[in-house]
PDB file of all heavy atoms in Angstrom:
ATOM      1  N   ALA A   1      11.468 -25.823  -8.860  1.00  0.00           N
ATOM      2  CA  ALA A   1      11.937 -26.232 -10.185  1.00  0.00           C
ATOM      3  C   ALA A   1      10.872 -25.972 -11.241  1.00  0.00           C
ATOM      4  O   ALA A   1      11.172 -25.494 -12.346  1.00  0.00           O
ATOM      5  CB  ALA A   1      12.321 -27.706 -10.165  1.00  0.00           C
ATOM      6  N   GLU A   2       9.617 -26.262 -10.920  1.00  0.00           N
ATOM      7  CA  GLU A   2       8.530 -26.030 -11.875  1.00  0.00           C
ATOM      8  C   GLU A   2       8.376 -24.553 -12.207  1.00  0.00           C
ATOM      9  O   GLU A   2       8.004 -24.185 -13.320  1.00  0.00           O
ATOM     10  CB  GLU A   2       7.215 -26.576 -11.322  1.00  0.00           C
ATOM     11  CG  GLU A   2       7.126 -28.087 -11.281  1.00  0.00           C
ATOM     12  CD  GLU A   2       5.808 -28.570 -10.730  1.00  0.00           C
ATOM     13  OE1 GLU A   2       4.757 -28.005 -11.119  1.00  0.00           O
ATOM     14  OE2 GLU A   2       5.808 -29.497  -9.895  1.00  0.00           O
ATOM     15  N   LEU A   3       8.648 -23.704 -11.228  1.00  0.00           N
ATOM     16  CA  LEU A   3       8.517 -22.259 -11.428  1.00  0.00           C
ATOM     17  C   LEU A   3       9.778 -21.638 -12.009  1.00  0.00           C
ATOM     18  O   LEU A   3       9.810 -20.425 -12.267  1.00  0.00           O
ATOM     19  CB  LEU A   3       8.183 -21.565 -10.100  1.00  0.00           C
ATOM     20  CG  LEU A   3       6.889 -21.983  -9.401  1.00  0.00           C
ATOM     21  CD1 LEU A   3       6.709 -21.224  -8.099  1.00  0.00           C
ATOM     22  CD2 LEU A   3       5.684 -21.764 -10.303  1.00  0.00           C
ATOM     23  N   GLY A   4      10.819 -22.439 -12.184  1.00  0.00           N
ATOM     24  CA  GLY A   4      12.076 -21.914 -12.704  1.00  0.00           C
ATOM     25  C   GLY A   4      12.853 -21.108 -11.688  1.00  0.00           C
ATOM     26  O   GLY A   4      13.601 -20.191 -12.050  1.00  0.00           O
ATOM     27  N   LEU A   5      12.699 -21.428 -10.401  1.00  0.00           N
ATOM     28  CA  LEU A   5      13.363 -20.688  -9.334  1.00  0.00           C
ATOM     29  C   LEU A   5      14.554 -21.480  -8.816  1.00  0.00           C
ATOM     30  O   LEU A   5      14.481 -22.693  -8.618  1.00  0.00           O
ATOM     31  CB  LEU A   5      12.401 -20.426  -8.168  1.00  0.00           C
ATOM     32  CG  LEU A   5      11.051 -19.780  -8.483  1.00  0.00           C
ATOM     33  CD1 LEU A   5      10.256 -19.570  -7.191  1.00  0.00           C
ATOM     34  CD2 LEU A   5      11.226 -18.465  -9.228  1.00  0.00           C
ATOM     35  N   SER A   6      15.628 -20.788  -8.564  1.00  0.00           N
ATOM     36  CA  SER A   6      16.784 -21.400  -7.922  1.00  0.00           C
ATOM     37  C   SER A   6      16.452 -21.708  -6.465  1.00  0.00           C
ATOM     38  O   SER A   6      15.798 -20.915  -5.779  1.00  0.00           O
ATOM     39  CB  SER A   6      17.987 -20.452  -7.995  1.00  0.00           C
ATOM     40  OG  SER A   6      18.979 -20.809  -7.069  1.00  0.00           O
ATOM     41  N   ASP A   7      16.915 -22.853  -5.963  1.00  0.00           N
ATOM     42  CA  ASP A   7      16.692 -23.188  -4.557  1.00  0.00           C
ATOM     43  C   ASP A   7      17.292 -22.132  -3.635  1.00  0.00           C
ATOM     44  O   ASP A   7      16.774 -21.877  -2.545  1.00  0.00           O
ATOM     45  CB  ASP A   7      17.291 -24.557  -4.232  1.00  0.00           C
ATOM     46  CG  ASP A   7      16.458 -25.707  -4.787  1.00  0.00           C
ATOM     47  OD1 ASP A   7      15.224 -25.623  -4.724  1.00  0.00           O
ATOM     48  OD2 ASP A   7      17.055 -26.669  -5.292  1.00  0.00           O
ATOM     49  N   ALA A   8      18.377 -21.510  -4.077  1.00  0.00           N
ATOM     50  CA  ALA A   8      19.028 -20.500  -3.241  1.00  0.00           C
ATOM     51  C   ALA A   8      18.127 -19.301  -2.993  1.00  0.00           C
ATOM     52  O   ALA A   8      18.308 -18.562  -2.016  1.00  0.00           O
ATOM     53  CB  ALA A   8      20.335 -20.041  -3.902  1.00  0.00           C
ATOM     54  N   LEU A   9      17.121 -19.105  -3.860  1.00  0.00           N
ATOM     55  CA  LEU A   9      16.230 -17.959  -3.713  1.00  0.00           C
ATOM     56  C   LEU A   9      15.460 -18.014  -2.400  1.00  0.00           C
ATOM     57  O   LEU A   9      15.107 -16.974  -1.831  1.00  0.00           O
ATOM     58  CB  LEU A   9      15.260 -17.909  -4.898  1.00  0.00           C
ATOM     59  CG  LEU A   9      14.587 -16.570  -5.198  1.00  0.00           C
ATOM     60  CD1 LEU A   9      15.596 -15.471  -5.457  1.00  0.00           C
ATOM     61  CD2 LEU A   9      13.652 -16.725  -6.394  1.00  0.00           C
ATOM     62  N   ALA A  10      15.197 -19.220  -1.889  1.00  0.00           N
ATOM     63  CA  ALA A  10      14.465 -19.355  -0.629  1.00  0.00           C
ATOM     64  C   ALA A  10      15.210 -18.711   0.535  1.00  0.00           C
ATOM     65  O   ALA A  10      14.610 -18.379   1.562  1.00  0.00           O
ATOM     66  CB  ALA A  10      14.209 -20.823  -0.314  1.00  0.00           C
ATOM     67  N   HIS A  11      16.522 -18.540   0.377  1.00  0.00           N
ATOM     68  CA  HIS A  11      17.347 -17.937   1.428  1.00  0.00           C
ATOM     69  C   HIS A  11      17.737 -16.496   1.098  1.00  0.00           C
ATOM     70  O   HIS A  11      18.433 -15.858   1.883  1.00  0.00           O
ATOM     71  CB  HIS A  11      18.594 -18.783   1.645  1.00  0.00           C
ATOM     72  CG  HIS A  11      18.300 -20.213   1.977  1.00  0.00           C
ATOM     73  ND1 HIS A  11      17.938 -20.622   3.250  1.00  0.00           N
ATOM     74  CD2 HIS A  11      18.259 -21.324   1.186  1.00  0.00           C
ATOM     75  CE1 HIS A  11      17.721 -21.937   3.239  1.00  0.00           C
ATOM     76  NE2 HIS A  11      17.891 -22.380   2.005  1.00  0.00           N
ATOM     77  N   ASP A  12      17.304 -16.005  -0.053  1.00  0.00           N
ATOM     78  CA  ASP A  12      17.572 -14.616  -0.430  1.00  0.00           C
ATOM     79  C   ASP A  12      16.858 -13.682   0.535  1.00  0.00           C
ATOM     80  O   ASP A  12      15.697 -13.903   0.894  1.00  0.00           O
ATOM     81  CB  ASP A  12      17.070 -14.386  -1.863  1.00  0.00           C
ATOM     82  CG  ASP A  12      17.179 -12.945  -2.300  1.00  0.00           C
ATOM     83  OD1 ASP A  12      18.223 -12.578  -2.841  1.00  0.00           O
ATOM     84  OD2 ASP A  12      16.195 -12.186  -2.087  1.00  0.00           O
ATOM     85  N   ALA A  13      17.542 -12.625   0.958  1.00  0.00           N
ATOM     86  CA  ALA A  13      16.997 -11.751   2.008  1.00  0.00           C
ATOM     87  C   ALA A  13      15.664 -11.131   1.599  1.00  0.00           C
ATOM     88  O   ALA A  13      14.692 -11.139   2.376  1.00  0.00           O
ATOM     89  CB  ALA A  13      18.005 -10.666   2.355  1.00  0.00           C
ATOM     90  N   ARG A  14      15.559 -10.583   0.379  1.00  0.00           N
ATOM     91  CA  ARG A  14      14.320  -9.925  -0.031  1.00  0.00           C
ATOM     92  C   ARG A  14      13.207 -10.947  -0.285  1.00  0.00           C
ATOM     93  O   ARG A  14      12.043 -10.690   0.045  1.00  0.00           O
ATOM     94  CB  ARG A  14      14.557  -9.066  -1.275  1.00  0.00           C
ATOM     95  CG  ARG A  14      15.351  -7.801  -0.982  1.00  0.00           C
ATOM     96  CD  ARG A  14      15.363  -6.872  -2.176  1.00  0.00           C
ATOM     97  NE  ARG A  14      16.141  -7.443  -3.272  1.00  0.00           N
ATOM     98  CZ  ARG A  14      16.212  -6.911  -4.504  1.00  0.00           C
ATOM     99  NH1 ARG A  14      15.516  -5.810  -4.783  1.00  0.00           N
ATOM    100  NH2 ARG A  14      16.960  -7.468  -5.446  1.00  0.00           N
ATOM    101  N   PHE A  15      13.559 -12.079  -0.846  1.00  0.00           N
ATOM    102  CA  PHE A  15      12.563 -13.133  -1.070  1.00  0.00           C
ATOM    103  C   PHE A  15      11.998 -13.602   0.270  1.00  0.00           C
ATOM    104  O   PHE A  15      10.781 -13.748   0.427  1.00  0.00           O
ATOM    105  CB  PHE A  15      13.230 -14.290  -1.818  1.00  0.00           C
ATOM    106  CG  PHE A  15      12.278 -15.334  -2.337  1.00  0.00           C
ATOM    107  CD1 PHE A  15      11.720 -15.227  -3.601  1.00  0.00           C
ATOM    108  CD2 PHE A  15      11.959 -16.434  -1.562  1.00  0.00           C
ATOM    109  CE1 PHE A  15      10.853 -16.202  -4.085  1.00  0.00           C
ATOM    110  CE2 PHE A  15      11.087 -17.414  -2.031  1.00  0.00           C
ATOM    111  CZ  PHE A  15      10.532 -17.293  -3.303  1.00  0.00           C
ATOM    112  N   ARG A  16      12.877 -13.824   1.234  1.00  0.00           N
ATOM    113  CA  ARG A  16      12.435 -14.255   2.567  1.00  0.00           C
ATOM    114  C   ARG A  16      11.555 -13.194   3.203  1.00  0.00           C
ATOM    115  O   ARG A  16      10.527 -13.517   3.809  1.00  0.00           O
ATOM    116  CB  ARG A  16      13.639 -14.542   3.456  1.00  0.00           C
ATOM    117  CG  ARG A  16      13.240 -15.023   4.860  1.00  0.00           C
ATOM    118  CD  ARG A  16      14.451 -15.294   5.739  1.00  0.00           C
ATOM    119  NE  ARG A  16      15.174 -14.070   6.066  1.00  0.00           N
ATOM    120  CZ  ARG A  16      16.409 -13.806   5.667  1.00  0.00           C
ATOM    121  NH1 ARG A  16      17.073 -14.668   4.916  1.00  0.00           N
ATOM    122  NH2 ARG A  16      16.999 -12.666   6.004  1.00  0.00           N
ATOM    123  N   ARG A  17      11.925 -11.933   3.065  1.00  0.00           N
ATOM    124  CA  ARG A  17      11.117 -10.876   3.668  1.00  0.00           C
ATOM    125  C   ARG A  17       9.721 -10.821   3.046  1.00  0.00           C
ATOM    126  O   ARG A  17       8.722 -10.706   3.762  1.00  0.00           O
ATOM    127  CB  ARG A  17      11.830  -9.529   3.517  1.00  0.00           C
ATOM    128  CG  ARG A  17      13.012  -9.350   4.469  1.00  0.00           C
ATOM    129  CD  ARG A  17      13.763  -8.057   4.190  1.00  0.00           C
ATOM    130  NE  ARG A  17      12.913  -6.869   4.354  1.00  0.00           N
ATOM    131  CZ  ARG A  17      13.299  -5.636   4.001  1.00  0.00           C
ATOM    132  NH1 ARG A  17      14.504  -5.441   3.458  1.00  0.00           N
ATOM    133  NH2 ARG A  17      12.492  -4.619   4.203  1.00  0.00           N
ATOM    134  N   LEU A  18       9.641 -10.936   1.711  1.00  0.00           N
ATOM    135  CA  LEU A  18       8.329 -10.873   1.066  1.00  0.00           C
ATOM    136  C   LEU A  18       7.446 -12.014   1.544  1.00  0.00           C
ATOM    137  O   LEU A  18       6.278 -11.805   1.917  1.00  0.00           O
ATOM    138  CB  LEU A  18       8.476 -10.939  -0.455  1.00  0.00           C
ATOM    139  CG  LEU A  18       7.140 -10.913  -1.218  1.00  0.00           C
ATOM    140  CD1 LEU A  18       6.446  -9.565  -1.052  1.00  0.00           C
ATOM    141  CD2 LEU A  18       7.354 -11.227  -2.695  1.00  0.00           C
ATOM    142  N   PHE A  19       7.995 -13.228   1.569  1.00  0.00           N
ATOM    143  CA  PHE A  19       7.169 -14.378   1.890  1.00  0.00           C
ATOM    144  C   PHE A  19       7.116 -14.678   3.388  1.00  0.00           C
ATOM    145  O   PHE A  19       6.570 -15.709   3.793  1.00  0.00           O
ATOM    146  CB  PHE A  19       7.616 -15.589   1.067  1.00  0.00           C
ATOM    147  CG  PHE A  19       7.279 -15.426  -0.395  1.00  0.00           C
ATOM    148  CD1 PHE A  19       8.269 -15.165  -1.324  1.00  0.00           C
ATOM    149  CD2 PHE A  19       5.963 -15.474  -0.819  1.00  0.00           C
ATOM    150  CE1 PHE A  19       7.954 -14.983  -2.669  1.00  0.00           C
ATOM    151  CE2 PHE A  19       5.638 -15.289  -2.144  1.00  0.00           C
ATOM    152  CZ  PHE A  19       6.631 -15.041  -3.080  1.00  0.00           C
ATOM    153  N   SER A  20       7.620 -13.752   4.178  1.00  0.00           N
ATOM    154  CA  SER A  20       7.331 -13.760   5.613  1.00  0.00           C
ATOM    155  C   SER A  20       6.543 -12.508   5.984  1.00  0.00           C
ATOM    156  O   SER A  20       6.456 -12.143   7.153  1.00  0.00           O
ATOM    157  CB  SER A  20       8.617 -13.861   6.436  1.00  0.00           C
ATOM    158  OG  SER A  20       9.484 -12.776   6.171  1.00  0.00           O
ATOM    159  N   GLY A  21       5.971 -11.841   4.963  1.00  0.00           N
ATOM    160  CA  GLY A  21       4.987 -10.801   5.216  1.00  0.00           C
ATOM    161  C   GLY A  21       5.432  -9.364   5.072  1.00  0.00           C
ATOM    162  O   GLY A  21       4.664  -8.463   5.407  1.00  0.00           O
ATOM    163  N   ASP A  22       6.621  -9.114   4.542  1.00  0.00           N
ATOM    164  CA  ASP A  22       7.108  -7.740   4.412  1.00  0.00           C
ATOM    165  C   ASP A  22       7.012  -7.311   2.955  1.00  0.00           C
ATOM    166  O   ASP A  22       7.925  -7.532   2.157  1.00  0.00           O
ATOM    167  CB  ASP A  22       8.557  -7.651   4.906  1.00  0.00           C
ATOM    168  CG  ASP A  22       9.081  -6.215   4.907  1.00  0.00           C
ATOM    169  OD1 ASP A  22       8.337  -5.303   4.483  1.00  0.00           O
ATOM    170  OD2 ASP A  22      10.236  -6.016   5.326  1.00  0.00           O
ATOM    171  N   ALA A  23       5.892  -6.679   2.603  1.00  0.00           N
ATOM    172  CA  ALA A  23       5.673  -6.257   1.220  1.00  0.00           C
ATOM    173  C   ALA A  23       6.433  -4.994   0.854  1.00  0.00           C
ATOM    174  O   ALA A  23       6.406  -4.583  -0.317  1.00  0.00           O
ATOM    175  CB  ALA A  23       4.175  -6.054   0.976  1.00  0.00           C
ATOM    176  N   SER A  24       7.122  -4.396   1.812  1.00  0.00           N
ATOM    177  CA  SER A  24       7.876  -3.172   1.501  1.00  0.00           C
ATOM    178  C   SER A  24       9.052  -3.452   0.574  1.00  0.00           C
ATOM    179  O   SER A  24       9.628  -2.516   0.012  1.00  0.00           O
ATOM    180  CB  SER A  24       8.377  -2.510   2.788  1.00  0.00           C
ATOM    181  OG  SER A  24       9.405  -3.279   3.400  1.00  0.00           O
ATOM    182  N   VAL A  25       9.412  -4.712   0.401  1.00  0.00           N
ATOM    183  CA  VAL A  25      10.527  -5.038  -0.497  1.00  0.00           C
ATOM    184  C   VAL A  25      10.080  -5.063  -1.952  1.00  0.00           C
ATOM    185  O   VAL A  25      10.909  -5.305  -2.848  1.00  0.00           O
ATOM    186  CB  VAL A  25      11.153  -6.401  -0.137  1.00  0.00           C
ATOM    187  CG1 VAL A  25      11.716  -6.374   1.274  1.00  0.00           C
ATOM    188  CG2 VAL A  25      10.141  -7.544  -0.284  1.00  0.00           C
ATOM    189  N   ALA A  26       8.796  -4.838  -2.218  1.00  0.00           N
ATOM    190  CA  ALA A  26       8.286  -4.869  -3.591  1.00  0.00           C
ATOM    191  C   ALA A  26       9.113  -3.947  -4.473  1.00  0.00           C
ATOM    192  O   ALA A  26       9.461  -2.825  -4.089  1.00  0.00           O
ATOM    193  CB  ALA A  26       6.818  -4.454  -3.610  1.00  0.00           C
ATOM    194  N   THR A  27       9.403  -4.438  -5.658  1.00  0.00           N
ATOM    195  CA  THR A  27      10.232  -3.671  -6.585  1.00  0.00           C
ATOM    196  C   THR A  27       9.662  -3.791  -7.980  1.00  0.00           C
ATOM    197  O   THR A  27       8.916  -4.738  -8.286  1.00  0.00           O
ATOM    198  CB  THR A  27      11.692  -4.178  -6.554  1.00  0.00           C
ATOM    199  OG1 THR A  27      12.502  -3.343  -7.366  1.00  0.00           O
ATOM    200  CG2 THR A  27      11.789  -5.611  -7.056  1.00  0.00           C
ATOM    201  N   GLY A  28       9.997  -2.850  -8.851  1.00  0.00           N
ATOM    202  CA  GLY A  28       9.522  -2.891 -10.225  1.00  0.00           C
ATOM    203  C   GLY A  28       8.006  -2.812 -10.292  1.00  0.00           C
ATOM    204  O   GLY A  28       7.381  -1.945  -9.679  1.00  0.00           O
ATOM    205  N   ALA A  29       7.411  -3.767 -11.010  1.00  0.00           N
ATOM    206  CA  ALA A  29       5.955  -3.767 -11.198  1.00  0.00           C
ATOM    207  C   ALA A  29       5.208  -4.398 -10.030  1.00  0.00           C
ATOM    208  O   ALA A  29       3.976  -4.439 -10.038  1.00  0.00           O
ATOM    209  CB  ALA A  29       5.605  -4.518 -12.489  1.00  0.00           C
ATOM    210  N   MET A  30       5.925  -4.864  -9.018  1.00  0.00           N
ATOM    211  CA  MET A  30       5.253  -5.501  -7.874  1.00  0.00           C
ATOM    212  C   MET A  30       4.427  -4.486  -7.107  1.00  0.00           C
ATOM    213  O   MET A  30       4.831  -3.332  -6.943  1.00  0.00           O
ATOM    214  CB  MET A  30       6.277  -6.126  -6.927  1.00  0.00           C
ATOM    215  CG  MET A  30       7.034  -7.299  -7.484  1.00  0.00           C
ATOM    216  SD  MET A  30       8.145  -8.021  -6.244  1.00  0.00           S
ATOM    217  CE  MET A  30       7.179  -9.434  -5.775  1.00  0.00           C
ATOM    218  N   ARG A  31       3.277  -4.931  -6.607  1.00  0.00           N
ATOM    219  CA  ARG A  31       2.460  -4.081  -5.740  1.00  0.00           C
ATOM    220  C   ARG A  31       2.994  -4.184  -4.306  1.00  0.00           C
ATOM    221  O   ARG A  31       3.337  -5.287  -3.857  1.00  0.00           O
ATOM    222  CB  ARG A  31       0.994  -4.517  -5.762  1.00  0.00           C
ATOM    223  CG  ARG A  31       0.403  -4.651  -7.164  1.00  0.00           C
ATOM    224  CD  ARG A  31       0.246  -3.320  -7.875  1.00  0.00           C
ATOM    225  NE  ARG A  31      -0.132  -3.504  -9.275  1.00  0.00           N
ATOM    226  CZ  ARG A  31      -1.384  -3.498  -9.729  1.00  0.00           C
ATOM    227  NH1 ARG A  31      -2.388  -3.347  -8.875  1.00  0.00           N
ATOM    228  NH2 ARG A  31      -1.648  -3.656 -11.010  1.00  0.00           N
ATOM    229  N   PRO A  32       3.025  -3.071  -3.583  1.00  0.00           N
ATOM    230  CA  PRO A  32       3.535  -3.109  -2.198  1.00  0.00           C
ATOM    231  C   PRO A  32       2.462  -3.531  -1.194  1.00  0.00           C
ATOM    232  O   PRO A  32       2.536  -3.208  -0.025  1.00  0.00           O
ATOM    233  CB  PRO A  32       3.976  -1.663  -1.964  1.00  0.00           C
ATOM    234  CG  PRO A  32       3.045  -0.854  -2.799  1.00  0.00           C
ATOM    235  CD  PRO A  32       2.760  -1.689  -4.031  1.00  0.00           C
ATOM    236  N   TRP A  33       1.448  -4.240  -1.656  1.00  0.00           N
ATOM    237  CA  TRP A  33       0.392  -4.758  -0.799  1.00  0.00           C
ATOM    238  C   TRP A  33      -0.162  -6.031  -1.431  1.00  0.00           C
ATOM    239  O   TRP A  33       0.073  -6.327  -2.601  1.00  0.00           O
ATOM    240  CB  TRP A  33      -0.752  -3.742  -0.597  1.00  0.00           C
ATOM    241  CG  TRP A  33      -1.108  -2.908  -1.793  1.00  0.00           C
ATOM    242  CD1 TRP A  33      -0.687  -1.645  -2.070  1.00  0.00           C
ATOM    243  CD2 TRP A  33      -1.978  -3.288  -2.893  1.00  0.00           C
ATOM    244  NE1 TRP A  33      -1.218  -1.205  -3.270  1.00  0.00           N
ATOM    245  CE2 TRP A  33      -2.019  -2.192  -3.790  1.00  0.00           C
ATOM    246  CE3 TRP A  33      -2.710  -4.414  -3.199  1.00  0.00           C
ATOM    247  CZ2 TRP A  33      -2.763  -2.209  -4.966  1.00  0.00           C
ATOM    248  CZ3 TRP A  33      -3.458  -4.444  -4.372  1.00  0.00           C
ATOM    249  CH2 TRP A  33      -3.479  -3.338  -5.237  1.00  0.00           C
TER     250      TRP A  33
END
C-alpha cells in the first residue's frame, strides 16, 4: 500500500518471476541484472 502496489501484483506472473530471481522479465528501463 505504501508503494502504491495492488495486492494482486504479488501473484502476477512477471512480478513473481522477477522477485524469485528471474531478471529476464525486465522490461522498459529495467536492467536485466
